[in-house]
Amino acid sequence: HCHGDDAHGDEGPDLHNLRIGDTHIALLIKSGIKGDMPSFEKK
């Protein structure tokens, strides 16, 4: 709903060719980004 069904971005950024590590991706999903992305740790 934020990154687009094809992950090319919409409200959130394009997620293709990410240049961050898996641990960082997991941390972002868990913790979110204040004011930009919710935390999904409870979900």
ModelCIF file with pLDDT and N, C-alpha, C, O atoms, coordinates in Angstrom:
data_MODEL
#
_entry.id   MODEL 
#
_entity.id                         1 
_entity.type                       polymer 
_entity.pdbx_number_of_molecules   1 
#
_entity_poly.entity_id                      1 
_entity_poly.type                           'polypeptide(L)' 
_entity_poly.nstd_linkage                   no 
_entity_poly.nstd_monomer                   no 
_entity_poly.pdbx_seq_one_letter_code       HCHGDDAHGDEGPDLHNLRIGDTHIALLIKSGIKGDMPSFEKK 
_entity_poly.pdbx_seq_one_letter_code_can   HCHGDDAHGDEGPDLHNLRIGDTHIALLIKSGIKGDMPSFEKK 
_entity_poly.pdbx_strand_id                 A 
#
loop_
_entity_poly_seq.entity_id 
_entity_poly_seq.num 
_entity_poly_seq.mon_id 
_entity_poly_seq.hetero 
1 1  HIS n 
1 2  CYS n 
1 3  HIS n 
1 4  GLY n 
1 5  ASP n 
1 6  ASP n 
1 7  ALA n 
1 8  HIS n 
1 9  GLY n 
1 10 ASP n 
1 11 GLU n 
1 12 GLY n 
1 13 PRO n 
1 14 ASP n 
1 15 LEU n 
1 16 HIS n 
1 17 ASN n 
1 18 LEU n 
1 19 ARG n 
1 20 ILE n 
1 21 GLY n 
1 22 ASP n 
1 23 THR n 
1 24 HIS n 
1 25 ILE n 
1 26 ALA n 
1 27 LEU n 
1 28 LEU n 
1 29 ILE n 
1 30 LYS n 
1 31 SER n 
1 32 GLY n 
1 33 ILE n 
1 34 LYS n 
1 35 GLY n 
1 36 ASP n 
1 37 MET n 
1 38 PRO n 
1 39 SER n 
1 40 PHE n 
1 41 GLU n 
1 42 LYS n 
1 43 LYS n 
#
_struct_asym.id          A 
_struct_asym.entity_id   1 
#
loop_
_ma_qa_metric.id 
_ma_qa_metric.mode 
_ma_qa_metric.name 
_ma_qa_metric.software_group_id 
_ma_qa_metric.type 
1 global pLDDT . pLDDT 
2 local  pLDDT . pLDDT 
#
_ma_qa_metric_global.metric_id      1 
_ma_qa_metric_global.metric_value   96.30 
_ma_qa_metric_global.model_id       1 
_ma_qa_metric_global.ordinal_id     1 
#
loop_
_ma_qa_metric_local.label_asym_id 
_ma_qa_metric_local.label_comp_id 
_ma_qa_metric_local.label_seq_id 
_ma_qa_metric_local.metric_id 
_ma_qa_metric_local.metric_value 
_ma_qa_metric_local.model_id 
_ma_qa_metric_local.ordinal_id 
A HIS 1  2 96.00 1 1  
A CYS 2  2 97.00 1 2  
A HIS 3  2 97.00 1 3  
A GLY 4  2 97.00 1 4  
A ASP 5  2 95.00 1 5  
A ASP 6  2 95.00 1 6  
A ALA 7  2 97.00 1 7  
A HIS 8  2 97.00 1 8  
A GLY 9  2 96.00 1 9  
A ASP 10 2 93.00 1 10 
A GLU 11 2 95.00 1 11 
A GLY 12 2 96.00 1 12 
A PRO 13 2 97.00 1 13 
A ASP 14 2 97.00 1 14 
A LEU 15 2 97.00 1 15 
A HIS 16 2 97.00 1 16 
A ASN 17 2 95.00 1 17 
A LEU 18 2 95.00 1 18 
A ARG 19 2 95.00 1 19 
A ILE 20 2 96.00 1 20 
A GLY 21 2 96.00 1 21 
A ASP 22 2 96.00 1 22 
A THR 23 2 97.00 1 23 
A HIS 24 2 97.00 1 24 
A ILE 25 2 97.00 1 25 
A ALA 26 2 96.00 1 26 
A LEU 27 2 97.00 1 27 
A LEU 28 2 97.00 1 28 
A ILE 29 2 97.00 1 29 
A LYS 30 2 97.00 1 30 
A SER 31 2 97.00 1 31 
A GLY 32 2 97.00 1 32 
A ILE 33 2 96.00 1 33 
A LYS 34 2 96.00 1 34 
A GLY 35 2 95.00 1 35 
A ASP 36 2 95.00 1 36 
A MET 37 2 97.00 1 37 
A PRO 38 2 97.00 1 38 
A SER 39 2 97.00 1 39 
A PHE 40 2 97.00 1 40 
A GLU 41 2 96.00 1 41 
A LYS 42 2 97.00 1 42 
A LYS 43 2 97.00 1 43 
#
loop_
_atom_site.group_PDB 
_atom_site.id 
_atom_site.type_symbol 
_atom_site.label_atom_id 
_atom_site.label_alt_id 
_atom_site.label_comp_id 
_atom_site.label_asym_id 
_atom_site.label_entity_id 
_atom_site.label_seq_id 
_atom_site.pdbx_PDB_ins_code 
_atom_site.Cartn_x 
_atom_site.Cartn_y 
_atom_site.Cartn_z 
_atom_site.occupancy 
_atom_site.B_iso_or_equiv 
_atom_site.pdbx_formal_charge 
_atom_site.auth_seq_id 
_atom_site.auth_comp_id 
_atom_site.auth_asym_id 
_atom_site.auth_atom_id 
_atom_site.pdbx_PDB_model_num 
ATOM 1   N N  . HIS A 1 1  ? 0.818  -1.214 0.000  1.00 96.00 ? 1  HIS A N  1 
ATOM 2   C CA . HIS A 1 1  ? 0.000  0.000  0.000  1.00 96.00 ? 1  HIS A CA 1 
ATOM 3   C C  . HIS A 1 1  ? 0.858  1.273  0.000  1.00 96.00 ? 1  HIS A C  1 
ATOM 4   O O  . HIS A 1 1  ? 0.382  2.329  -0.417 1.00 96.00 ? 1  HIS A O  1 
ATOM 5   N N  . CYS A 1 2  ? 2.100  1.193  0.455  1.00 97.00 ? 2  CYS A N  1 
ATOM 6   C CA . CYS A 1 2  ? 2.998  2.355  0.392  1.00 97.00 ? 2  CYS A CA 1 
ATOM 7   C C  . CYS A 1 2  ? 4.088  2.216  -0.674 1.00 97.00 ? 2  CYS A C  1 
ATOM 8   O O  . CYS A 1 2  ? 4.454  3.192  -1.329 1.00 97.00 ? 2  CYS A O  1 
ATOM 9   N N  . HIS A 1 3  ? 4.597  1.004  -0.840 1.00 97.00 ? 3  HIS A N  1 
ATOM 10  C CA . HIS A 1 3  ? 5.710  0.795  -1.768 1.00 97.00 ? 3  HIS A CA 1 
ATOM 11  C C  . HIS A 1 3  ? 5.247  0.355  -3.150 1.00 97.00 ? 3  HIS A C  1 
ATOM 12  O O  . HIS A 1 3  ? 6.069  0.191  -4.052 1.00 97.00 ? 3  HIS A O  1 
ATOM 13  N N  . GLY A 1 4  ? 3.947  0.162  -3.331 1.00 97.00 ? 4  GLY A N  1 
ATOM 14  C CA . GLY A 1 4  ? 3.400  -0.277 -4.612 1.00 97.00 ? 4  GLY A CA 1 
ATOM 15  C C  . GLY A 1 4  ? 3.430  -1.790 -4.733 1.00 97.00 ? 4  GLY A C  1 
ATOM 16  O O  . GLY A 1 4  ? 4.321  -2.448 -4.197 1.00 97.00 ? 4  GLY A O  1 
ATOM 17  N N  . ASP A 1 5  ? 2.455  -2.335 -5.438 1.00 95.00 ? 5  ASP A N  1 
ATOM 18  C CA . ASP A 1 5  ? 2.355  -3.788 -5.610 1.00 95.00 ? 5  ASP A CA 1 
ATOM 19  C C  . ASP A 1 5  ? 3.602  -4.351 -6.278 1.00 95.00 ? 5  ASP A C  1 
ATOM 20  O O  . ASP A 1 5  ? 3.995  -5.487 -6.015 1.00 95.00 ? 5  ASP A O  1 
ATOM 21  N N  . ASP A 1 6  ? 4.218  -3.560 -7.136 1.00 95.00 ? 6  ASP A N  1 
ATOM 22  C CA . ASP A 1 6  ? 5.430  -4.012 -7.827 1.00 95.00 ? 6  ASP A CA 1 
ATOM 23  C C  . ASP A 1 6  ? 6.705  -3.542 -7.116 1.00 95.00 ? 6  ASP A C  1 
ATOM 24  O O  . ASP A 1 6  ? 7.810  -3.767 -7.611 1.00 95.00 ? 6  ASP A O  1 
ATOM 25  N N  . ALA A 1 7  ? 6.555  -2.895 -5.961 1.00 97.00 ? 7  ALA A N  1 
ATOM 26  C CA . ALA A 1 7  ? 7.656  -2.398 -5.125 1.00 97.00 ? 7  ALA A CA 1 
ATOM 27  C C  . ALA A 1 7  ? 8.478  -1.309 -5.802 1.00 97.00 ? 7  ALA A C  1 
ATOM 28  O O  . ALA A 1 7  ? 9.603  -1.040 -5.380 1.00 97.00 ? 7  ALA A O  1 
ATOM 29  N N  . HIS A 1 8  ? 7.946  -0.682 -6.834 1.00 97.00 ? 8  HIS A N  1 
ATOM 30  C CA . HIS A 1 8  ? 8.658  0.417  -7.496 1.00 97.00 ? 8  HIS A CA 1 
ATOM 31  C C  . HIS A 1 8  ? 8.406  1.756  -6.819 1.00 97.00 ? 8  HIS A C  1 
ATOM 32  O O  . HIS A 1 8  ? 8.858  2.794  -7.302 1.00 97.00 ? 8  HIS A O  1 
ATOM 33  N N  . GLY A 1 9  ? 7.689  1.736  -5.707 1.00 96.00 ? 9  GLY A N  1 
ATOM 34  C CA . GLY A 1 9  ? 7.471  2.951  -4.941 1.00 96.00 ? 9  GLY A CA 1 
ATOM 35  C C  . GLY A 1 9  ? 6.157  3.617  -5.239 1.00 96.00 ? 9  GLY A C  1 
ATOM 36  O O  . GLY A 1 9  ? 5.611  3.498  -6.336 1.00 96.00 ? 9  GLY A O  1 
ATOM 37  N N  . ASP A 1 10 ? 5.661  4.313  -4.257 1.00 93.00 ? 10 ASP A N  1 
ATOM 38  C CA . ASP A 1 10 ? 4.453  5.131  -4.343 1.00 93.00 ? 10 ASP A CA 1 
ATOM 39  C C  . ASP A 1 10 ? 4.637  6.171  -3.249 1.00 93.00 ? 10 ASP A C  1 
ATOM 40  O O  . ASP A 1 10 ? 5.363  7.146  -3.443 1.00 93.00 ? 10 ASP A O  1 
ATOM 41  N N  . GLU A 1 11 ? 3.996  5.979  -2.109 1.00 95.00 ? 11 GLU A N  1 
ATOM 42  C CA . GLU A 1 11 ? 4.270  6.851  -0.968 1.00 95.00 ? 11 GLU A CA 1 
ATOM 43  C C  . GLU A 1 11 ? 5.651  6.536  -0.392 1.00 95.00 ? 11 GLU A C  1 
ATOM 44  O O  . GLU A 1 11 ? 6.377  7.431  0.040  1.00 95.00 ? 11 GLU A O  1 
ATOM 45  N N  . GLY A 1 12 ? 5.995  5.254  -0.395 1.00 96.00 ? 12 GLY A N  1 
ATOM 46  C CA . GLY A 1 12 ? 7.306  4.807  0.074  1.00 96.00 ? 12 GLY A CA 1 
ATOM 47  C C  . GLY A 1 12 ? 8.251  4.652  -1.109 1.00 96.00 ? 12 GLY A C  1 
ATOM 48  O O  . GLY A 1 12 ? 7.811  4.674  -2.258 1.00 96.00 ? 12 GLY A O  1 
ATOM 49  N N  . PRO A 1 13 ? 9.541  4.495  -0.843 1.00 97.00 ? 13 PRO A N  1 
ATOM 50  C CA . PRO A 1 13 ? 10.526 4.417  -1.919 1.00 97.00 ? 13 PRO A CA 1 
ATOM 51  C C  . PRO A 1 13 ? 10.496 3.100  -2.692 1.00 97.00 ? 13 PRO A C  1 
ATOM 52  O O  . PRO A 1 13 ? 9.926  2.107  -2.241 1.00 97.00 ? 13 PRO A O  1 
ATOM 53  N N  . ASP A 1 14 ? 11.118 3.119  -3.854 1.00 97.00 ? 14 ASP A N  1 
ATOM 54  C CA . ASP A 1 14 ? 11.348 1.932  -4.677 1.00 97.00 ? 14 ASP A CA 1 
ATOM 55  C C  . ASP A 1 14 ? 12.238 0.973  -3.881 1.00 97.00 ? 14 ASP A C  1 
ATOM 56  O O  . ASP A 1 14 ? 13.234 1.392  -3.291 1.00 97.00 ? 14 ASP A O  1 
ATOM 57  N N  . LEU A 1 15 ? 11.881 -0.306 -3.866 1.00 97.00 ? 15 LEU A N  1 
ATOM 58  C CA . LEU A 1 15 ? 12.636 -1.293 -3.103 1.00 97.00 ? 15 LEU A CA 1 
ATOM 59  C C  . LEU A 1 15 ? 13.452 -2.237 -3.973 1.00 97.00 ? 15 LEU A C  1 
ATOM 60  O O  . LEU A 1 15 ? 13.933 -3.263 -3.493 1.00 97.00 ? 15 LEU A O  1 
ATOM 61  N N  . HIS A 1 16 ? 13.612 -1.904 -5.234 1.00 97.00 ? 16 HIS A N  1 
ATOM 62  C CA . HIS A 1 16 ? 14.434 -2.710 -6.134 1.00 97.00 ? 16 HIS A CA 1 
ATOM 63  C C  . HIS A 1 16 ? 15.913 -2.362 -5.932 1.00 97.00 ? 16 HIS A C  1 
ATOM 64  O O  . HIS A 1 16 ? 16.264 -1.218 -5.643 1.00 97.00 ? 16 HIS A O  1 
ATOM 65  N N  . ASN A 1 17 ? 16.763 -3.370 -6.091 1.00 95.00 ? 17 ASN A N  1 
ATOM 66  C CA . ASN A 1 17 ? 18.224 -3.181 -6.012 1.00 95.00 ? 17 ASN A CA 1 
ATOM 67  C C  . ASN A 1 17 ? 18.672 -2.479 -4.728 1.00 95.00 ? 17 ASN A C  1 
ATOM 68  O O  . ASN A 1 17 ? 19.480 -1.551 -4.767 1.00 95.00 ? 17 ASN A O  1 
ATOM 69  N N  . LEU A 1 18 ? 18.139 -2.931 -3.596 1.00 95.00 ? 18 LEU A N  1 
ATOM 70  C CA . LEU A 1 18 ? 18.517 -2.324 -2.318 1.00 95.00 ? 18 LEU A CA 1 
ATOM 71  C C  . LEU A 1 18 ? 20.001 -2.500 -2.068 1.00 95.00 ? 18 LEU A C  1 
ATOM 72  O O  . LEU A 1 18 ? 20.568 -3.559 -2.339 1.00 95.00 ? 18 LEU A O  1 
ATOM 73  N N  . ARG A 1 19 ? 20.623 -1.456 -1.551 1.00 95.00 ? 19 ARG A N  1 
ATOM 74  C CA . ARG A 1 19 ? 22.067 -1.485 -1.307 1.00 95.00 ? 19 ARG A CA 1 
ATOM 75  C C  . ARG A 1 19 ? 22.376 -1.454 0.186  1.00 95.00 ? 19 ARG A C  1 
ATOM 76  O O  . ARG A 1 19 ? 23.385 -0.896 0.616  1.00 95.00 ? 19 ARG A O  1 
ATOM 77  N N  . ILE A 1 20 ? 21.487 -2.064 0.964  1.00 96.00 ? 20 ILE A N  1 
ATOM 78  C CA . ILE A 1 20 ? 21.716 -2.192 2.405  1.00 96.00 ? 20 ILE A CA 1 
ATOM 79  C C  . ILE A 1 20 ? 21.658 -3.679 2.737  1.00 96.00 ? 20 ILE A C  1 
ATOM 80  O O  . ILE A 1 20 ? 21.080 -4.471 1.994  1.00 96.00 ? 20 ILE A O  1 
ATOM 81  N N  . GLY A 1 21 ? 22.258 -4.040 3.850  1.00 96.00 ? 21 GLY A N  1 
ATOM 82  C CA . GLY A 1 21 ? 22.314 -5.437 4.248  1.00 96.00 ? 21 GLY A CA 1 
ATOM 83  C C  . GLY A 1 21 ? 20.987 -5.964 4.773  1.00 96.00 ? 21 GLY A C  1 
ATOM 84  O O  . GLY A 1 21 ? 20.085 -5.200 5.116  1.00 96.00 ? 21 GLY A O  1 
ATOM 85  N N  . ASP A 1 22 ? 20.890 -7.280 4.826  1.00 96.00 ? 22 ASP A N  1 
ATOM 86  C CA . ASP A 1 22 ? 19.673 -7.932 5.310  1.00 96.00 ? 22 ASP A CA 1 
ATOM 87  C C  . ASP A 1 22 ? 19.351 -7.551 6.750  1.00 96.00 ? 22 ASP A C  1 
ATOM 88  O O  . ASP A 1 22 ? 18.183 -7.380 7.099  1.00 96.00 ? 22 ASP A O  1 
ATOM 89  N N  . THR A 1 23 ? 20.378 -7.416 7.587  1.00 97.00 ? 23 THR A N  1 
ATOM 90  C CA . THR A 1 23 ? 20.159 -7.036 8.983  1.00 97.00 ? 23 THR A CA 1 
ATOM 91  C C  . THR A 1 23 ? 19.550 -5.646 9.067  1.00 97.00 ? 23 THR A C  1 
ATOM 92  O O  . THR A 1 23 ? 18.678 -5.402 9.902  1.00 97.00 ? 23 THR A O  1 
ATOM 93  N N  . HIS A 1 24 ? 19.993 -4.740 8.223  1.00 97.00 ? 24 HIS A N  1 
ATOM 94  C CA . HIS A 1 24 ? 19.461 -3.380 8.201  1.00 97.00 ? 24 HIS A CA 1 
ATOM 95  C C  . HIS A 1 24 ? 18.012 -3.387 7.698  1.00 97.00 ? 24 HIS A C  1 
ATOM 96  O O  . HIS A 1 24 ? 17.163 -2.682 8.243  1.00 97.00 ? 24 HIS A O  1 
ATOM 97  N N  . ILE A 1 25 ? 17.732 -4.176 6.667  1.00 97.00 ? 25 ILE A N  1 
ATOM 98  C CA . ILE A 1 25 ? 16.361 -4.297 6.167  1.00 97.00 ? 25 ILE A CA 1 
ATOM 99  C C  . ILE A 1 25 ? 15.440 -4.793 7.285  1.00 97.00 ? 25 ILE A C  1 
ATOM 100 O O  . ILE A 1 25 ? 14.365 -4.236 7.507  1.00 97.00 ? 25 ILE A O  1 
ATOM 101 N N  . ALA A 1 26 ? 15.877 -5.851 7.989  1.00 96.00 ? 26 ALA A N  1 
ATOM 102 C CA . ALA A 1 26 ? 15.070 -6.417 9.075  1.00 96.00 ? 26 ALA A CA 1 
ATOM 103 C C  . ALA A 1 26 ? 14.833 -5.380 10.169 1.00 96.00 ? 26 ALA A C  1 
ATOM 104 O O  . ALA A 1 26 ? 13.725 -5.282 10.696 1.00 96.00 ? 26 ALA A O  1 
ATOM 105 N N  . LEU A 1 27 ? 15.852 -4.612 10.514 1.00 97.00 ? 27 LEU A N  1 
ATOM 106 C CA . LEU A 1 27 ? 15.722 -3.576 11.529 1.00 97.00 ? 27 LEU A CA 1 
ATOM 107 C C  . LEU A 1 27 ? 14.712 -2.513 11.099 1.00 97.00 ? 27 LEU A C  1 
ATOM 108 O O  . LEU A 1 27 ? 13.897 -2.070 11.909 1.00 97.00 ? 27 LEU A O  1 
ATOM 109 N N  . LEU A 1 28 ? 14.759 -2.103 9.839  1.00 97.00 ? 28 LEU A N  1 
ATOM 110 C CA . LEU A 1 28 ? 13.809 -1.114 9.338  1.00 97.00 ? 28 LEU A CA 1 
ATOM 111 C C  . LEU A 1 28 ? 12.374 -1.639 9.376  1.00 97.00 ? 28 LEU A C  1 
ATOM 112 O O  . LEU A 1 28 ? 11.452 -0.908 9.738  1.00 97.00 ? 28 LEU A O  1 
ATOM 113 N N  . ILE A 1 29 ? 12.188 -2.905 9.003  1.00 97.00 ? 29 ILE A N  1 
ATOM 114 C CA . ILE A 1 29 ? 10.844 -3.492 9.038  1.00 97.00 ? 29 ILE A CA 1 
ATOM 115 C C  . ILE A 1 29 ? 10.348 -3.555 10.481 1.00 97.00 ? 29 ILE A C  1 
ATOM 116 O O  . ILE A 1 29 ? 9.205  -3.197 10.762 1.00 97.00 ? 29 ILE A O  1 
ATOM 117 N N  . LYS A 1 30 ? 11.203 -4.009 11.391 1.00 97.00 ? 30 LYS A N  1 
ATOM 118 C CA . LYS A 1 30 ? 10.810 -4.128 12.797 1.00 97.00 ? 30 LYS A CA 1 
ATOM 119 C C  . LYS A 1 30 ? 10.552 -2.773 13.442 1.00 97.00 ? 30 LYS A C  1 
ATOM 120 O O  . LYS A 1 30 ? 9.524  -2.573 14.089 1.00 97.00 ? 30 LYS A O  1 
ATOM 121 N N  . SER A 1 31 ? 11.472 -1.856 13.268 1.00 97.00 ? 31 SER A N  1 
ATOM 122 C CA . SER A 1 31 ? 11.436 -0.589 13.996 1.00 97.00 ? 31 SER A CA 1 
ATOM 123 C C  . SER A 1 31 ? 10.710 0.524  13.272 1.00 97.00 ? 31 SER A C  1 
ATOM 124 O O  . SER A 1 31 ? 10.217 1.458  13.904 1.00 97.00 ? 31 SER A O  1 
ATOM 125 N N  . GLY A 1 32 ? 10.639 0.437  11.957 1.00 97.00 ? 32 GLY A N  1 
ATOM 126 C CA . GLY A 1 32 ? 10.054 1.522  11.186 1.00 97.00 ? 32 GLY A CA 1 
ATOM 127 C C  . GLY A 1 32 ? 11.003 2.702  11.088 1.00 97.00 ? 32 GLY A C  1 
ATOM 128 O O  . GLY A 1 32 ? 12.158 2.625  11.507 1.00 97.00 ? 32 GLY A O  1 
ATOM 129 N N  . ILE A 1 33 ? 10.502 3.789  10.533 1.00 96.00 ? 33 ILE A N  1 
ATOM 130 C CA . ILE A 1 33 ? 11.263 5.032  10.419 1.00 96.00 ? 33 ILE A CA 1 
ATOM 131 C C  . ILE A 1 33 ? 10.343 6.132  10.914 1.00 96.00 ? 33 ILE A C  1 
ATOM 132 O O  . ILE A 1 33 ? 9.304  6.394  10.308 1.00 96.00 ? 33 ILE A O  1 
ATOM 133 N N  . LYS A 1 34 ? 10.716 6.774  12.008 1.00 96.00 ? 34 LYS A N  1 
ATOM 134 C CA . LYS A 1 34 ? 9.856  7.767  12.650 1.00 96.00 ? 34 LYS A CA 1 
ATOM 135 C C  . LYS A 1 34 ? 9.364  8.802  11.639 1.00 96.00 ? 34 LYS A C  1 
ATOM 136 O O  . LYS A 1 34 ? 10.156 9.461  10.966 1.00 96.00 ? 34 LYS A O  1 
ATOM 137 N N  . GLY A 1 35 ? 8.056  8.926  11.552 1.00 95.00 ? 35 GLY A N  1 
ATOM 138 C CA . GLY A 1 35 ? 7.433  9.895  10.665 1.00 95.00 ? 35 GLY A CA 1 
ATOM 139 C C  . GLY A 1 35 ? 7.302  9.442  9.220  1.00 95.00 ? 35 GLY A C  1 
ATOM 140 O O  . GLY A 1 35 ? 6.635  10.109 8.429  1.00 95.00 ? 35 GLY A O  1 
ATOM 141 N N  . ASP A 1 36 ? 7.930  8.309  8.853  1.00 95.00 ? 36 ASP A N  1 
ATOM 142 C CA . ASP A 1 36 ? 7.897  7.849  7.461  1.00 95.00 ? 36 ASP A CA 1 
ATOM 143 C C  . ASP A 1 36 ? 7.328  6.442  7.282  1.00 95.00 ? 36 ASP A C  1 
ATOM 144 O O  . ASP A 1 36 ? 6.605  6.183  6.320  1.00 95.00 ? 36 ASP A O  1 
ATOM 145 N N  . MET A 1 37 ? 7.652  5.534  8.204  1.00 97.00 ? 37 MET A N  1 
ATOM 146 C CA . MET A 1 37 ? 7.248  4.135  8.042  1.00 97.00 ? 37 MET A CA 1 
ATOM 147 C C  . MET A 1 37 ? 6.910  3.559  9.410  1.00 97.00 ? 37 MET A C  1 
ATOM 148 O O  . MET A 1 37 ? 7.672  3.728  10.362 1.00 97.00 ? 37 MET A O  1 
ATOM 149 N N  . PRO A 1 38 ? 5.760  2.873  9.514  1.00 97.00 ? 38 PRO A N  1 
ATOM 150 C CA . PRO A 1 38 ? 5.404  2.287  10.810 1.00 97.00 ? 38 PRO A CA 1 
ATOM 151 C C  . PRO A 1 38 ? 6.277  1.080  11.142 1.00 97.00 ? 38 PRO A C  1 
ATOM 152 O O  . PRO A 1 38 ? 6.894  0.477  10.264 1.00 97.00 ? 38 PRO A O  1 
ATOM 153 N N  . SER A 1 39 ? 6.314  0.746  12.414 1.00 97.00 ? 39 SER A N  1 
ATOM 154 C CA . SER A 1 39 ? 6.984  -0.467 12.872 1.00 97.00 ? 39 SER A CA 1 
ATOM 155 C C  . SER A 1 39 ? 6.076  -1.662 12.604 1.00 97.00 ? 39 SER A C  1 
ATOM 156 O O  . SER A 1 39 ? 4.860  -1.577 12.777 1.00 97.00 ? 39 SER A O  1 
ATOM 157 N N  . PHE A 1 40 ? 6.667  -2.767 12.183 1.00 97.00 ? 40 PHE A N  1 
ATOM 158 C CA . PHE A 1 40 ? 5.901  -3.989 11.945 1.00 97.00 ? 40 PHE A CA 1 
ATOM 159 C C  . PHE A 1 40 ? 6.301  -5.088 12.930 1.00 97.00 ? 40 PHE A C  1 
ATOM 160 O O  . PHE A 1 40 ? 5.992  -6.260 12.715 1.00 97.00 ? 40 PHE A O  1 
ATOM 161 N N  . GLU A 1 41 ? 6.987  -4.709 14.006 1.00 96.00 ? 41 GLU A N  1 
ATOM 162 C CA . GLU A 1 41 ? 7.466  -5.683 14.989 1.00 96.00 ? 41 GLU A CA 1 
ATOM 163 C C  . GLU A 1 41 ? 6.326  -6.468 15.637 1.00 96.00 ? 41 GLU A C  1 
ATOM 164 O O  . GLU A 1 41 ? 6.479  -7.658 15.912 1.00 96.00 ? 41 GLU A O  1 
ATOM 165 N N  . LYS A 1 42 ? 5.188  -5.821 15.883 1.00 97.00 ? 42 LYS A N  1 
ATOM 166 C CA . LYS A 1 42 ? 4.059  -6.509 16.514 1.00 97.00 ? 42 LYS A CA 1 
ATOM 167 C C  . LYS A 1 42 ? 3.235  -7.306 15.505 1.00 97.00 ? 42 LYS A C  1 
ATOM 168 O O  . LYS A 1 42 ? 2.505  -8.219 15.891 1.00 97.00 ? 42 LYS A O  1 
ATOM 169 N N  . LYS A 1 43 ? 3.339  -6.979 14.238 1.00 97.00 ? 43 LYS A N  1 
ATOM 170 C CA . LYS A 1 43 ? 2.560  -7.660 13.208 1.00 97.00 ? 43 LYS A CA 1 
ATOM 171 C C  . LYS A 1 43 ? 3.289  -8.875 12.639 1.00 97.00 ? 43 LYS A C  1 
ATOM 172 O O  . LYS A 1 43 ? 2.760  -9.555 11.759 1.00 97.00 ? 43 LYS A O  1 
#
